[in-house]
Protein backbone atom coordinates (compact mmCIF):
# COMPACT_ATOMS: atom_id res chain seq x y z
CA MET A 1 44.22 -23.24 37.18
CA ILE A 2 42.38 -22.41 40.41
CA THR A 3 44.37 -25.02 42.33
CA PHE A 4 47.71 -23.66 41.17
CA HIS A 5 46.72 -19.99 41.22
CA THR A 6 49.16 -19.07 43.98
CA PRO A 7 52.37 -20.56 42.51
CA ILE A 8 51.47 -19.27 39.05
CA SER A 9 50.90 -15.76 40.42
CA ILE A 10 54.22 -15.84 42.29
CA SER A 11 56.14 -17.15 39.28
CA ALA A 12 54.38 -15.31 36.45
CA PRO A 13 57.62 -14.87 34.45
CA HIS A 14 57.78 -18.63 33.99
CA THR A 15 54.51 -18.51 32.09
CA TYR A 16 55.71 -15.83 29.68
CA ILE A 17 59.26 -17.07 29.19
CA SER A 18 58.19 -20.62 28.46
CA THR A 19 56.28 -19.42 25.40
CA GLY A 20 59.27 -17.65 23.83
CA PRO A 21 60.88 -20.57 21.98
CA PHE A 22 57.64 -21.26 20.15
CA LEU A 23 57.23 -17.77 18.73
CA PRO A 24 57.40 -17.65 14.91
CA ALA A 25 60.52 -16.17 13.36
CA GLU A 26 58.59 -13.09 12.20
CA SER A 27 56.75 -12.51 15.50
CA PRO A 28 57.07 -8.94 16.79
CA LEU A 29 57.74 -10.42 20.26
CA LEU A 30 60.63 -12.66 19.21
CA GLU A 31 63.23 -9.94 18.70
CA THR A 32 63.00 -8.84 22.32
CA PHE A 33 62.84 -12.38 23.64
CA SER A 34 65.82 -13.73 21.65
CA THR A 35 68.18 -10.93 22.71
CA LYS A 36 67.21 -10.70 26.37
CA PHE A 37 66.55 -14.34 27.24
CA THR A 38 69.52 -16.17 25.81
CA LYS A 39 69.44 -19.28 28.00
CA SER A 40 66.00 -20.49 27.04
CA ILE A 41 64.91 -23.61 25.24
CA LYS A 42 65.85 -23.57 21.55
CA MET A 43 63.71 -24.92 18.73
CA GLN A 44 65.60 -27.41 16.57
CA SER A 45 62.84 -28.21 14.08
CA VAL A 46 59.39 -27.17 12.89
CA LYS A 47 59.95 -23.52 13.68
CA LEU A 48 57.04 -21.45 12.34
CA VAL A 49 58.02 -18.53 10.11
CA SER A 50 54.83 -16.59 10.77
CA TRP A 51 51.48 -17.05 12.42
CA PRO A 52 48.80 -18.55 10.18
CA ALA A 53 46.52 -15.75 9.06
CA PRO A 54 42.78 -15.83 9.64
CA PRO A 55 40.65 -15.75 6.49
CA LEU A 56 40.74 -12.28 4.98
CA LYS A 57 38.75 -10.99 2.06
CA TRP A 58 40.36 -8.97 -0.70
CA THR A 59 37.58 -6.48 -1.24
CA GLY A 60 37.10 -3.88 -3.91
CA HIS A 61 34.71 -5.21 -6.53
CA THR A 62 31.09 -4.32 -5.95
CA SER A 63 29.49 -7.11 -7.97
CA LEU A 64 30.06 -10.70 -9.10
CA ILE A 65 33.61 -11.75 -10.04
CA HIS A 66 33.57 -13.70 -13.30
CA CYS A 67 37.23 -14.37 -13.97
CA ILE A 68 40.58 -14.54 -12.22
CA CYS A 69 44.10 -15.04 -13.57
CA TYR A 70 47.67 -15.14 -12.20
CA SER A 71 50.44 -13.20 -13.92
CA PRO A 72 53.10 -15.41 -15.57
CA HIS A 73 55.51 -14.85 -12.68
CA GLY A 74 52.84 -15.18 -10.00
CA SER A 75 53.45 -11.74 -8.51
CA HIS A 76 50.03 -10.38 -9.41
CA ILE A 77 46.43 -11.47 -9.88
CA VAL A 78 43.91 -9.89 -12.24
CA THR A 79 40.14 -10.12 -11.83
CA GLY A 80 37.13 -9.11 -13.91
CA SER A 81 33.69 -8.34 -12.53
CA SER A 82 30.07 -7.52 -13.28
CA ASP A 83 30.84 -4.10 -11.79
CA LYS A 84 32.44 -3.28 -15.20
CA THR A 85 35.97 -3.06 -13.79
CA ILE A 86 39.23 -4.99 -13.78
CA ARG A 87 41.44 -5.00 -10.73
CA ILE A 88 45.11 -5.92 -10.38
CA TRP A 89 46.21 -7.25 -7.00
CA ASP A 90 49.63 -7.80 -5.50
CA SER A 91 49.47 -11.56 -4.81
CA GLU A 92 51.76 -11.18 -1.80
CA THR A 93 50.04 -8.32 -0.03
CA GLY A 94 46.52 -8.22 -1.45
CA VAL A 95 46.92 -4.52 -2.21
CA VAL A 96 45.14 -3.24 -5.31
CA VAL A 97 47.70 -1.96 -7.82
CA GLY A 98 46.70 1.39 -9.29
CA GLY A 99 43.00 1.30 -8.47
CA ALA A 100 40.16 -0.13 -10.54
CA LEU A 101 40.71 -0.33 -14.31
CA LYS A 102 37.69 1.47 -15.73
CA GLY A 103 36.53 1.77 -19.29
CA HIS A 104 34.15 -1.07 -20.00
CA THR A 105 30.48 -0.16 -19.85
CA SER A 106 29.21 -3.63 -18.99
CA SER A 107 30.28 -6.84 -17.24
CA VAL A 108 33.86 -8.11 -17.68
CA ASN A 109 33.62 -11.80 -18.62
CA SER A 110 37.22 -12.82 -19.32
CA VAL A 111 40.75 -11.61 -18.54
CA ALA A 112 44.22 -12.83 -19.49
CA TYR A 113 47.87 -11.80 -19.08
CA SER A 114 50.26 -11.52 -21.99
CA PRO A 115 53.02 -14.18 -21.89
CA ASP A 116 55.58 -11.58 -20.77
CA GLY A 117 53.23 -10.24 -18.06
CA GLN A 118 53.38 -6.67 -19.35
CA HIS A 119 49.81 -6.40 -20.57
CA ILE A 120 46.32 -7.57 -19.64
CA ILE A 121 43.38 -8.10 -21.96
CA SER A 122 39.71 -8.09 -21.00
CA GLY A 123 36.55 -9.14 -22.82
CA SER A 124 33.24 -7.56 -21.90
CA SER A 125 29.49 -7.69 -22.42
CA ASP A 126 29.87 -4.20 -23.93
CA ASN A 127 31.06 -6.12 -27.07
CA THR A 128 34.67 -4.88 -26.79
CA ILE A 129 38.13 -6.06 -25.82
CA ARG A 130 40.52 -3.76 -24.00
CA ILE A 131 44.28 -3.87 -23.51
CA TRP A 132 45.81 -2.57 -20.28
CA ASP A 133 49.32 -1.84 -19.05
CA ALA A 134 49.84 -4.43 -16.30
CA GLU A 135 52.19 -2.18 -14.34
CA THR A 136 50.29 1.10 -14.37
CA GLY A 137 46.75 -0.10 -15.09
CA ALA A 138 46.44 2.46 -17.88
CA ALA A 139 44.42 1.60 -20.98
CA VAL A 140 46.61 0.91 -24.02
CA GLY A 141 45.02 2.42 -27.10
CA LYS A 142 41.33 2.38 -27.89
CA PRO A 143 38.88 -0.48 -27.31
CA LEU A 144 39.05 -3.31 -29.84
CA GLU A 145 35.69 -3.03 -31.58
CA GLY A 146 34.03 -5.35 -34.05
CA HIS A 147 31.97 -7.87 -32.13
CA THR A 148 28.23 -7.19 -32.10
CA SER A 149 27.43 -9.15 -28.92
CA PRO A 150 29.11 -9.83 -25.55
CA VAL A 151 32.70 -11.09 -25.60
CA MET A 152 32.80 -14.27 -23.51
CA SER A 153 36.43 -15.42 -23.81
CA VAL A 154 39.82 -13.89 -24.65
CA ALA A 155 43.35 -15.32 -24.92
CA TYR A 156 46.87 -14.35 -25.98
CA SER A 157 48.88 -16.32 -28.52
CA PRO A 158 51.91 -18.08 -26.97
CA ASP A 159 54.28 -15.53 -28.57
CA GLY A 160 52.16 -12.61 -27.33
CA GLN A 161 51.74 -11.11 -30.80
CA HIS A 162 48.05 -11.80 -31.23
CA ILE A 163 44.82 -11.82 -29.23
CA ILE A 164 41.74 -13.95 -29.90
CA SER A 165 38.22 -13.34 -28.71
CA GLY A 166 35.07 -15.42 -28.75
CA SER A 167 31.68 -13.77 -28.68
CA TRP A 168 27.98 -14.39 -28.31
CA ASP A 169 27.74 -13.04 -31.91
CA GLU A 170 28.87 -16.56 -33.02
CA THR A 171 32.31 -15.40 -34.22
CA ILE A 172 35.96 -15.50 -33.20
CA ARG A 173 38.20 -12.56 -33.99
CA ILE A 174 41.99 -12.25 -34.16
CA TRP A 175 43.68 -8.98 -33.19
CA ASP A 176 47.19 -7.56 -33.45
CA ALA A 177 48.32 -7.28 -29.80
CA GLU A 178 50.62 -4.35 -30.60
CA THR A 179 48.26 -2.14 -32.60
CA GLY A 180 44.85 -3.50 -31.60
CA ALA A 181 43.91 -3.78 -35.28
CA ALA A 182 41.70 -6.65 -36.44
CA VAL A 183 43.67 -9.32 -38.32
CA GLY A 184 41.60 -10.52 -41.26
CA LYS A 185 37.88 -11.11 -41.15
CA PRO A 186 35.87 -12.67 -38.32
CA LEU A 187 36.13 -16.47 -38.06
CA GLU A 188 32.62 -17.58 -38.93
CA GLY A 189 31.05 -21.00 -38.74
CA HIS A 190 29.44 -21.41 -35.37
CA THR A 191 25.69 -21.01 -35.34
CA GLU A 192 25.37 -19.93 -31.72
CA GLY A 193 27.44 -18.04 -29.14
CA VAL A 194 31.12 -18.90 -28.59
CA MET A 195 31.79 -19.67 -24.92
CA SER A 196 35.49 -20.58 -24.92
CA VAL A 197 38.59 -20.00 -27.07
CA ALA A 198 42.20 -21.15 -26.74
CA TYR A 199 45.47 -21.27 -28.68
CA SER A 200 47.36 -24.47 -29.29
CA PRO A 201 50.69 -24.63 -27.39
CA ASP A 202 52.63 -23.93 -30.62
CA GLY A 203 50.33 -21.02 -31.53
CA GLN A 204 49.45 -22.43 -34.95
CA HIS A 205 45.84 -23.25 -34.24
CA ILE A 206 42.85 -21.87 -32.35
CA ILE A 207 39.99 -23.87 -30.86
CA SER A 208 36.54 -22.63 -29.98
CA GLY A 209 33.64 -24.16 -28.08
CA SER A 210 30.09 -23.04 -28.68
CA VAL A 211 26.52 -23.25 -27.50
CA ASP A 212 25.84 -24.83 -30.94
CA LYS A 213 27.26 -28.07 -29.41
CA THR A 214 30.41 -28.08 -31.57
CA ILE A 215 34.13 -27.39 -31.31
CA ARG A 216 35.98 -25.85 -34.23
CA ILE A 217 39.67 -25.71 -35.10
CA TRP A 218 41.05 -22.73 -36.98
CA ASP A 219 44.34 -21.88 -38.66
CA ALA A 220 45.74 -19.10 -36.49
CA GLU A 221 47.57 -17.44 -39.37
CA THR A 222 44.88 -17.47 -42.05
CA GLY A 223 41.74 -17.77 -39.94
CA ALA A 224 40.53 -20.60 -42.13
CA ALA A 225 38.56 -23.44 -40.58
CA VAL A 226 40.60 -26.63 -40.29
CA GLY A 227 38.37 -29.51 -41.29
CA LYS A 228 34.76 -29.83 -40.27
CA PRO A 229 33.19 -28.96 -36.93
CA LEU A 230 33.92 -31.44 -34.16
CA GLU A 231 30.48 -32.85 -33.61
CA GLY A 232 29.25 -35.27 -31.00
CA HIS A 233 28.09 -33.28 -28.01
CA THR A 234 24.33 -32.97 -27.66
CA ASP A 235 24.34 -29.73 -25.67
CA ALA A 236 26.40 -26.55 -25.27
CA VAL A 237 30.19 -26.87 -25.00
CA ARG A 238 31.17 -25.11 -21.81
CA SER A 239 34.94 -25.62 -21.68
CA VAL A 240 37.76 -26.56 -24.09
CA ALA A 241 41.50 -27.09 -23.61
CA TYR A 242 44.56 -28.36 -25.49
CA SER A 243 46.77 -31.11 -24.12
CA PRO A 244 50.25 -29.87 -23.12
CA ASP A 245 51.78 -31.38 -26.29
CA GLY A 246 49.05 -29.88 -28.49
CA GLN A 247 48.04 -33.24 -29.98
CA ARG A 248 44.69 -33.58 -28.26
CA ILE A 249 41.72 -31.35 -27.42
CA ILE A 250 39.25 -31.93 -24.60
CA SER A 251 35.78 -30.48 -24.28
CA GLY A 252 33.30 -30.44 -21.43
CA SER A 253 29.62 -30.05 -22.16
CA TRP A 254 26.26 -29.47 -20.61
CA ASP A 255 25.37 -32.88 -22.07
CA LYS A 256 27.20 -34.32 -18.99
CA THR A 257 30.12 -35.74 -21.01
CA ILE A 258 33.76 -34.98 -21.81
CA ARG A 259 35.16 -35.72 -25.26
CA ILE A 260 38.72 -36.11 -26.51
CA TRP A 261 39.60 -35.09 -30.05
CA ASP A 262 42.60 -35.47 -32.33
CA ALA A 263 43.88 -31.91 -32.74
CA GLU A 264 45.24 -32.57 -36.24
CA THR A 265 42.34 -34.45 -37.82
CA GLY A 266 39.44 -33.33 -35.61
CA ALA A 267 38.38 -36.96 -35.21
CA ALA A 268 36.89 -38.09 -31.93
CA VAL A 269 39.33 -40.18 -29.91
CA GLY A 270 37.40 -43.06 -28.41
CA LYS A 271 33.95 -42.75 -26.91
CA PRO A 272 32.59 -39.91 -24.77
CA LEU A 273 33.80 -39.91 -21.17
CA GLU A 274 30.60 -40.67 -19.35
CA GLY A 275 29.85 -40.75 -15.66
CA HIS A 276 28.74 -37.30 -14.61
CA THR A 277 25.02 -37.01 -13.98
CA ASP A 278 24.77 -33.24 -14.54
CA PRO A 279 26.42 -30.68 -16.85
CA VAL A 280 30.22 -30.54 -16.98
CA MET A 281 31.32 -27.04 -16.04
CA SER A 282 35.11 -27.24 -16.29
CA VAL A 283 37.85 -29.51 -17.70
CA ALA A 284 41.64 -29.46 -17.44
CA TYR A 285 44.66 -31.51 -18.48
CA SER A 286 47.33 -32.53 -15.99
CA PRO A 287 50.69 -30.84 -16.68
CA ASP A 288 52.16 -34.10 -18.01
CA GLY A 289 49.13 -34.68 -20.25
CA GLN A 290 48.43 -38.13 -18.85
CA HIS A 291 45.20 -37.31 -17.03
CA ILE A 292 42.11 -35.17 -17.35
CA THR A 293 39.99 -33.76 -14.56
CA SER A 294 36.42 -32.54 -14.83
CA GLY A 295 34.09 -30.68 -12.49
CA SER A 296 30.33 -31.00 -12.74
CA TRP A 297 27.09 -29.64 -11.44
CA ASP A 298 26.57 -33.14 -9.96
CA LYS A 299 28.88 -32.02 -7.08
CA THR A 300 31.75 -34.32 -8.10
CA ILE A 301 35.18 -34.15 -9.69
CA ARG A 302 36.25 -37.02 -11.90
CA LEU A 303 39.69 -38.17 -13.04
CA TRP A 304 40.23 -39.77 -16.42
CA ASP A 305 43.07 -41.53 -18.22
CA ALA A 306 43.87 -39.17 -21.11
CA GLU A 307 45.07 -42.03 -23.33
CA THR A 308 42.23 -44.50 -22.87
CA GLY A 309 39.42 -42.25 -21.62
CA ALA A 310 38.80 -44.66 -18.76
CA ALA A 311 37.69 -43.29 -15.41
CA VAL A 312 40.44 -43.35 -12.80
CA GLY A 313 39.01 -44.44 -9.48
CA GLU A 314 35.67 -43.40 -8.08
CA PRO A 315 34.10 -39.93 -8.38
CA VAL A 316 35.77 -37.44 -6.05
CA GLU A 317 33.10 -36.42 -3.59
CA GLY A 318 33.01 -33.78 -0.89
CA HIS A 319 31.40 -30.67 -2.32
CA THR A 320 27.76 -30.20 -1.40
CA SER A 321 26.81 -28.29 -4.54
CA GLY A 322 27.95 -27.97 -8.16
CA VAL A 323 31.66 -27.77 -9.04
CA MET A 324 32.20 -24.65 -11.13
CA SER A 325 35.95 -24.72 -11.77
CA VAL A 326 38.85 -27.18 -11.63
CA ALA A 327 42.61 -26.72 -12.06
CA TYR A 328 45.80 -28.73 -11.58
CA SER A 329 48.74 -27.57 -9.48
CA PRO A 330 51.83 -26.90 -11.63
CA ASP A 331 53.51 -30.12 -10.44
CA GLY A 332 50.38 -32.15 -11.17
CA HIS A 333 50.21 -33.57 -7.66
CA HIS A 334 47.01 -31.80 -6.66
CA ILE A 335 43.67 -30.70 -8.09
CA ILE A 336 41.89 -27.56 -6.91
CA SER A 337 38.14 -27.17 -7.19
CA GLY A 338 35.78 -24.25 -6.61
CA SER A 339 32.12 -24.88 -5.92
CA ASP A 340 28.67 -23.41 -5.62
CA ASP A 341 28.85 -24.54 -1.96
CA ASN A 342 31.12 -21.49 -1.37
CA THR A 343 34.26 -23.56 -0.72
CA ILE A 344 37.52 -24.49 -2.40
CA ARG A 345 38.95 -27.99 -2.00
CA ILE A 346 42.36 -29.51 -2.63
CA TRP A 347 42.58 -33.13 -3.75
CA ASP A 348 45.37 -35.63 -4.17
CA ALA A 349 45.56 -36.05 -7.96
CA GLU A 350 46.71 -39.66 -7.70
CA THR A 351 44.26 -41.02 -5.14
CA GLY A 352 41.40 -38.52 -5.37
CA THR A 353 41.35 -38.11 -1.61
CA ALA A 354 40.74 -34.74 0.00
CA VAL A 355 43.81 -32.93 1.29
CA GLY A 356 42.77 -31.32 4.55
CA LYS A 357 39.45 -29.61 5.16
CA PRO A 358 37.55 -27.33 2.77
CA LEU A 359 38.93 -23.81 2.35
CA GLU A 360 36.12 -21.74 3.81
CA GLY A 361 35.55 -18.02 3.82
CA HIS A 362 33.59 -17.12 0.71
CA THR A 363 29.90 -16.47 1.30
CA GLU A 364 28.72 -17.17 -2.25
CA ALA A 365 29.59 -19.57 -5.08
CA VAL A 366 33.26 -19.88 -6.08
CA MET A 367 33.27 -19.43 -9.84
CA SER A 368 36.97 -19.52 -10.65
CA VAL A 369 40.15 -20.99 -9.17
CA GLY A 370 43.77 -20.85 -10.22
CA CYS A 371 47.21 -21.84 -8.94
CA SER A 372 50.28 -19.60 -8.87
CA PRO A 373 53.10 -20.66 -11.24
CA ASP A 374 55.20 -21.86 -8.29
CA GLY A 375 52.29 -23.83 -6.84
CA GLN A 376 52.54 -22.07 -3.49
CA ARG A 377 49.23 -20.23 -3.65
CA ILE A 378 45.67 -20.65 -4.81
CA ALA A 379 43.44 -17.80 -5.92
CA SER A 380 39.67 -17.94 -5.91
CA GLY A 381 37.01 -15.58 -7.25
CA SER A 382 33.48 -15.66 -5.93
CA ASP A 383 29.98 -14.33 -6.44
CA ASP A 384 30.41 -12.67 -3.02
CA CYS A 385 32.44 -10.01 -4.91
CA THR A 386 35.72 -10.97 -3.22
CA ILE A 387 38.99 -12.62 -4.11
CA ARG A 388 40.79 -14.85 -1.67
CA VAL A 389 44.35 -16.11 -1.85
CA TRP A 390 45.30 -19.24 0.03
CA ASP A 391 48.56 -20.79 1.15
CA ALA A 392 48.49 -24.08 -0.78
CA SER A 393 50.68 -25.97 1.69
CA ARG A 394 49.00 -24.81 4.91
CA ARG A 395 45.55 -24.41 3.33
CA ILE A 396 44.83 -21.05 4.95
CA SER A 397 44.00 -17.59 3.63
CA ILE A 398 46.90 -15.20 3.14
CA GLU A 399 46.57 -11.99 5.11
CA PRO A 400 48.22 -8.86 3.75
CA PRO A 401 51.08 -7.94 6.08
CA SER A 402 50.17 -5.38 8.68
CA SER A 403 51.97 -2.26 9.75
CA SER A 404 55.69 -2.48 10.48
CA ASN A 405 55.32 -0.10 13.41
CA PRO A 406 56.79 -1.37 16.69
CA ILE A 407 54.46 -3.34 18.91
CA GLN A 408 52.51 -1.23 21.35
CA PRO A 409 52.54 -2.25 25.02
CA HIS A 410 48.78 -1.94 25.59
CA PHE A 411 46.27 -4.19 23.84
CA SER A 412 43.23 -6.30 24.53
CA ALA A 413 44.11 -9.80 25.73
CA LEU A 414 40.74 -11.19 24.67
CA PRO A 415 40.76 -13.41 21.55
CA ASP A 416 38.64 -12.51 18.55
CA GLU A 417 36.04 -14.85 17.08
CA ASP A 418 38.78 -16.86 15.37
CA GLY A 419 40.72 -17.25 18.61
CA TRP A 420 43.50 -14.75 17.84
CA VAL A 421 44.89 -12.21 20.28
CA ARG A 422 46.33 -9.14 18.55
CA ASP A 423 48.41 -6.14 19.49
CA SER A 424 47.11 -2.57 19.15
CA GLU A 425 48.17 -2.54 15.49
CA GLY A 426 46.11 -5.63 14.76
CA ARG A 427 49.13 -7.92 14.40
CA LEU A 428 48.77 -11.55 15.44
CA LEU A 429 50.34 -12.45 18.78
CA TYR A 430 49.00 -15.90 19.58
CA TRP A 431 46.13 -18.28 19.03
CA VAL A 432 43.84 -19.65 21.76
CA PRO A 433 42.20 -23.08 21.35
CA PRO A 434 38.37 -23.03 21.37
CA ASP A 435 38.08 -24.86 24.68
CA CYS A 436 40.31 -22.27 26.38
CA ARG A 437 38.62 -19.08 25.18
CA ILE A 438 35.77 -18.96 27.68
CA GLY A 439 36.69 -16.81 30.64
CA LEU A 440 40.17 -16.03 29.35
CA HIS A 441 41.53 -12.93 31.09
CA SER A 442 45.27 -13.26 30.53
CA HIS A 443 47.40 -13.19 27.41
CA ALA A 444 49.90 -15.63 28.87
CA LEU A 445 48.57 -18.58 26.88
CA LEU A 446 50.25 -19.80 23.72
CA THR A 447 49.72 -22.91 21.62
CA ILE A 448 51.30 -24.26 18.48
CA PRO A 449 48.62 -23.61 15.83
CA PRO A 450 46.95 -26.76 14.47
CA THR A 451 47.80 -25.54 10.96
CA SER A 452 51.51 -25.95 11.72
CA PRO A 453 53.17 -28.41 9.29
CA SER A 454 53.68 -30.75 12.24
CA ARG A 455 52.51 -30.73 15.81
CA SER A 456 55.69 -32.48 16.96
CA VAL A 457 58.83 -30.41 17.62
CA SER A 458 62.46 -30.95 18.53
CA LEU A 459 63.92 -28.91 21.40
CA ASP A 460 67.52 -28.10 22.34
CA LEU A 461 67.93 -27.94 26.15
CA LYS A 462 71.73 -27.74 26.49
CA ASP A 463 71.79 -24.01 27.35
CA PHE A 464 68.46 -23.99 29.15
CA ALA A 465 68.50 -22.34 32.59
CA TYR A 466 65.85 -23.96 34.77
CA GLY A 467 65.01 -24.89 38.36
CA THR A 468 66.63 -22.77 41.03
CA SER A 469 68.90 -21.18 38.40
CA TRP A 470 66.06 -20.07 36.15
CA THR A 471 66.86 -16.37 36.62
CA GLN A 472 70.07 -16.90 34.63
CA ILE A 473 67.93 -17.07 31.53
CA LEU A 474 68.05 -13.26 31.40
CA ASN A 475 70.97 -11.70 29.54
CA THR A 476 71.83 -8.80 31.85
CA THR A 477 74.37 -7.35 29.35
CA GLN A 478 71.52 -6.28 27.08
CA PRO A 479 69.98 -2.86 27.78
């Protein structure tokens, strides 16, 4: 730079103009460039739509976030927290919709959307369930009362007509989703707290997992127990789930094993899935029902053949602390994991290899992860009281769009700690590589971000004005 200071100073426009073709389609600088400099290089491929956003926290909760859930259409995210509130977020912008949903008097442990996305339910340590209007955030009716201890898990029936809740009072309750009235008597049988409840895909049965080491199946219409308790675990059942076809049930336990059960007979299918060396915190079926994934406090994720129960490949390693939550992408190609090491990771579901680097930004344990219905985004809830939403393809945090005001001419050219130079409105202009940030005093530097889908590009030079005719690049007919 020192050697070529003179020619660069004399020909400063070259430095600025040469960056134009690489501006993202949504860059506030591109509109001016594309209309005034018509004979520049053209990008033929790998044109960025927008600059990758630096990690940004969605703040609002003031205590631990226990649960997170996408709306059926993926347009919103709902979260529940120890701060006694529920919040609804626009998944595109990160803006809170309607403010905090207040009414519970203790921690919110579980949230769920109705199948049509119009309502939200929440279960709380205040022993109640509440129903909320998903659009306005207003409470619908009075609290659903009946449990005598904290409500740990809630779920909607597939048709949206009923709600189930599992509580530390050892019971499951069924509620009319329209009126909030209790349907029948409590489902009794467990001898310790109920940690997890779920409906079968056809809505005819309910399953529950308990600290009493058992799983139970219930008739969703009558509330009657179907068969005997599913026994075999030697410690608390942390997580239960139905297979997509409803024929199998899986359970993950603090006894370090996963078990598969016949949903019709309640019989154990094969032997326990053994391999984890610490409690299993989360289990999930792949969308096609052929595989199972499990996350454990032993810092690993494991893949299993759902038919045979055999381990698929070696343990998936990379987290440096316990894995608290696992989920499949909707297409089944990837697994997402959230960990006590404060990170989220994406894994290739077929090979078990890590896809890119860890998603970093949370400052406390990641307790819950979920994927949007279209698979484009990942949501994570953490003990740091924040929610983060990530672009699943580029593996970066999504930043709420900034002001649409026109770019201001005066701004600091110095990059922030993440290497970004911004305009006076805080909008991203360009990214500076780490080895170029020291001593930077000009905003004439632009690079293709390393998070671009590909570092290679294709350029069209046929209309490019260069050499002694470079001044023809300017379109003098434009004002």
